[in-house]
C-alpha atoms as a PDB file:
ATOM      1  CA  MET A   1      -0.033  -0.010  -0.117  1.00  0.00           C
ATOM      2  CA  SER A   2       1.077   3.523  -0.964  1.00  0.00           C
ATOM      3  CA  THR A   3       1.008   6.395   0.724  1.00  0.00           C
ATOM      4  CA  THR A   4       0.813   9.797  -0.866  1.00  0.00           C
ATOM      5  CA  THR A   5       1.016  13.471   0.175  1.00  0.00           C
ATOM      6  CA  GLY A   6      -1.713  16.125  -0.281  1.00  0.00           C
ATOM      7  CA  GLU A   7       0.763  17.482  -2.840  1.00  0.00           C
ATOM      8  CA  ASN A   8       0.283  14.751  -4.802  1.00  0.00           C
ATOM      9  CA  ASN A   9      -3.240  14.388  -4.527  1.00  0.00           C
ATOM     10  CA  ARG A  10      -3.901  17.447  -6.059  1.00  0.00           C
ATOM     11  CA  ARG A  11      -6.959  17.412  -8.604  1.00  0.00           C
ATOM     12  CA  ALA A  12      -4.736  20.879 -10.759  1.00  0.00           C
ATOM     13  CA  SER A  13      -1.033  20.851 -11.109  1.00  0.00           C
ATOM     14  CA  ARG A  14       0.376  24.570  -9.366  1.00  0.00           C
ATOM     15  CA  GLN A  15       2.574  26.869 -10.762  1.00  0.00           C
ATOM     16  CA  ARG A  16       5.059  28.370  -8.614  1.00  0.00           C
ATOM     17  CA  VAL A  17       4.593  32.363  -8.621  1.00  0.00           C
ATOM     18  CA  LEU A  18       5.958  35.343  -6.260  1.00  0.00           C
ATOM     19  CA  LYS A  19       2.276  37.386  -6.735  1.00  0.00           C
ATOM     20  CA  THR A  20       0.845  40.223  -4.600  1.00  0.00           C
ATOM     21  CA  ALA A  21      -3.033  39.715  -3.683  1.00  0.00           C
ATOM     22  CA  LYS A  22      -5.606  40.962  -1.619  1.00  0.00           C
ATOM     23  CA  VAL A  23      -8.106  39.396   0.234  1.00  0.00           C
ATOM     24  CA  TYR A  24     -11.454  40.971   0.394  1.00  0.00           C
ATOM     25  CA  ARG A  25     -14.428  39.965   3.367  1.00  0.00           C
ATOM     26  CA  LEU A  26     -17.556  38.601   1.138  1.00  0.00           C
ATOM     27  CA  ASN A  27     -19.111  42.044   2.234  1.00  0.00           C
ATOM     28  CA  GLY A  28     -16.462  43.865   0.318  1.00  0.00           C
ATOM     29  CA  ALA A  29     -14.593  44.972   3.053  1.00  0.00           C
ATOM     30  CA  HIS A  30     -10.828  44.343   2.783  1.00  0.00           C
ATOM     31  CA  ALA A  31      -9.535  42.608   5.151  1.00  0.00           C
ATOM     32  CA  VAL A  32      -5.506  41.247   4.775  1.00  0.00           C
ATOM     33  CA  ASP A  33      -2.752  41.659   1.609  1.00  0.00           C
ATOM     34  CA  CYS A  34      -0.976  38.401   1.277  1.00  0.00           C
ATOM     35  CA  GLN A  35       1.529  36.760  -1.572  1.00  0.00           C
ATOM     36  CA  VAL A  36       0.940  34.250  -3.503  1.00  0.00           C
ATOM     37  CA  ARG A  37       3.417  31.030  -3.869  1.00  0.00           C
ATOM     38  CA  ASP A  38       2.209  28.530  -5.815  1.00  0.00           C
ATOM     39  CA  ILE A  39      -1.762  28.660  -7.755  1.00  0.00           C
ATOM     40  CA  SER A  40      -3.381  26.301  -9.838  1.00  0.00           C
ATOM     41  CA  GLU A  41      -6.777  26.553 -11.425  1.00  0.00           C
ATOM     42  CA  THR A  42      -8.759  25.036  -8.018  1.00  0.00           C
ATOM     43  CA  GLY A  43      -6.829  26.271  -5.471  1.00  0.00           C
ATOM     44  CA  ALA A  44      -3.805  28.577  -4.470  1.00  0.00           C
ATOM     45  CA  ARG A  45      -0.680  27.996  -1.414  1.00  0.00           C
ATOM     46  CA  LEU A  46      -0.432  31.761   0.237  1.00  0.00           C
ATOM     47  CA  VAL A  47       1.626  33.383   2.902  1.00  0.00           C
ATOM     48  CA  VAL A  48      -0.501  35.711   5.353  1.00  0.00           C
ATOM     49  CA  LYS A  49       1.407  37.457   7.960  1.00  0.00           C
ATOM     50  CA  ASP A  50      -1.731  37.866  10.075  1.00  0.00           C
ATOM     51  CA  GLN A  51      -4.183  34.505   9.865  1.00  0.00           C
ATOM     52  CA  LEU A  52      -6.113  36.539  12.444  1.00  0.00           C
ATOM     53  CA  ALA A  53      -6.938  38.691   9.662  1.00  0.00           C
ATOM     54  CA  LEU A  54      -7.469  36.090   6.857  1.00  0.00           C
ATOM     55  CA  PRO A  55     -11.384  34.929   7.246  1.00  0.00           C
ATOM     56  CA  ASN A  56     -12.170  31.314   5.767  1.00  0.00           C
ATOM     57  CA  GLU A  57     -14.232  32.174   3.192  1.00  0.00           C
ATOM     58  CA  PHE A  58     -13.505  35.367   1.139  1.00  0.00           C
ATOM     59  CA  LYS A  59     -13.217  37.259  -2.311  1.00  0.00           C
ATOM     60  CA  PHE A  60      -9.720  36.911  -3.555  1.00  0.00           C
ATOM     61  CA  VAL A  61      -7.635  39.321  -5.686  1.00  0.00           C
ATOM     62  CA  VAL A  62      -4.752  39.060  -7.920  1.00  0.00           C
ATOM     63  CA  PRO A  63      -4.621  42.669  -9.299  1.00  0.00           C
ATOM     64  CA  SER A  64      -1.352  41.923 -11.564  1.00  0.00           C
ATOM     65  CA  ASP A  65      -3.761  39.126 -13.228  1.00  0.00           C
ATOM     66  CA  GLY A  66      -6.727  41.066 -13.568  1.00  0.00           C
ATOM     67  CA  PHE A  67      -8.804  38.367 -11.411  1.00  0.00           C
ATOM     68  CA  MET A  68     -10.856  37.477  -9.301  1.00  0.00           C
ATOM     69  CA  GLN A  69     -12.629  35.015  -7.403  1.00  0.00           C
ATOM     70  CA  THR A  70     -14.447  33.031  -4.165  1.00  0.00           C
ATOM     71  CA  ALA A  71     -11.947  31.370  -2.087  1.00  0.00           C
ATOM     72  CA  LYS A  72     -12.041  29.191   1.450  1.00  0.00           C
ATOM     73  CA  VAL A  73      -9.473  28.227   3.505  1.00  0.00           C
ATOM     74  CA  VAL A  74      -8.321  24.689   3.639  1.00  0.00           C
ATOM     75  CA  TRP A  75      -5.701  24.473   5.998  1.00  0.00           C
ATOM     76  CA  ARG A  76      -3.674  27.104   7.924  1.00  0.00           C
ATOM     77  CA  ARG A  77       0.067  26.544   8.945  1.00  0.00           C
ATOM     78  CA  GLY A  78       2.128  29.053  10.577  1.00  0.00           C
ATOM     79  CA  ASP A  79       2.032  32.076   7.986  1.00  0.00           C
ATOM     80  CA  LEU A  80       1.085  29.901   5.156  1.00  0.00           C
ATOM     81  CA  ALA A  81      -2.803  29.087   3.951  1.00  0.00           C
ATOM     82  CA  GLY A  82      -4.041  26.657   1.511  1.00  0.00           C
ATOM     83  CA  ILE A  83      -7.019  27.709  -0.308  1.00  0.00           C
ATOM     84  CA  VAL A  84      -9.487  26.136  -2.986  1.00  0.00           C
ATOM     85  CA  PHE A  85     -11.470  28.332  -5.020  1.00  0.00           C
ATOM     86  CA  LEU A  86     -15.075  28.435  -5.280  1.00  0.00           C
ATOM     87  CA  SER A  87     -16.141  30.183  -8.053  1.00  0.00           C
ATOM     88  CA  GLU A  88     -15.123  31.515 -11.555  1.00  0.00           C
ATOM     89  CA  ARG A  89     -12.712  33.699 -12.297  1.00  0.00           C
ATOM     90  CA  THR A  90     -14.331  36.925 -13.132  1.00  0.00           C
ATOM     91  CA  ALA A  91     -13.101  40.897 -13.644  1.00  0.00           C
ATOM     92  CA  PRO A  92     -12.558  42.687 -10.098  1.00  0.00           C
ATOM     93  CA  PRO A  93     -14.776  46.043  -9.624  1.00  0.00           C
ATOM     94  CA  THR A  94     -11.615  48.129 -10.115  1.00  0.00           C
ATOM     95  CA  GLU A  95     -12.264  51.363  -9.282  1.00  0.00           C
ATOM     96  CA  ARG A  96     -13.773  50.300  -5.872  1.00  0.00           C
ATOM     97  CA  LEU A  97     -10.817  48.409  -5.004  1.00  0.00           C
ATOM     98  CA  GLN A  98      -8.998  51.805  -5.342  1.00  0.00           C
ATOM     99  CA  ASN A  99     -10.900  53.144  -2.492  1.00  0.00           C
ATOM    100  CA  GLY A 100     -10.559  50.224  -0.085  1.00  0.00           C
ATOM    101  CA  SER A 101     -13.819  48.190  -0.762  1.00  0.00           C
ATOM    102  CA  MET A 102     -15.071  45.912  -3.428  1.00  0.00           C
ATOM    103  CA  PHE A 103     -18.869  47.044  -3.289  1.00  0.00           C
END
């Protein structure tokens, strides 16, 4: 019987990146900034300095790539968090993001 790690059980391969992302509460209020370490079609691994500010479910925005998705935290370890995407990618409301709120 072989054992596999979470890395080998992924539904989609992840691409290593180093990008800045923003997390917004579902009500549109800004929650925390973070770094994306790797990303796939189904989820990502984030570096979040303030884990207490990271909601369990949120809007995930990568401004440099121009997309937004609803996401949920599936694990937390130190300043790292694994997330799974719950929605398709959409364009964020950029004019509102500049004001610190999504809605």
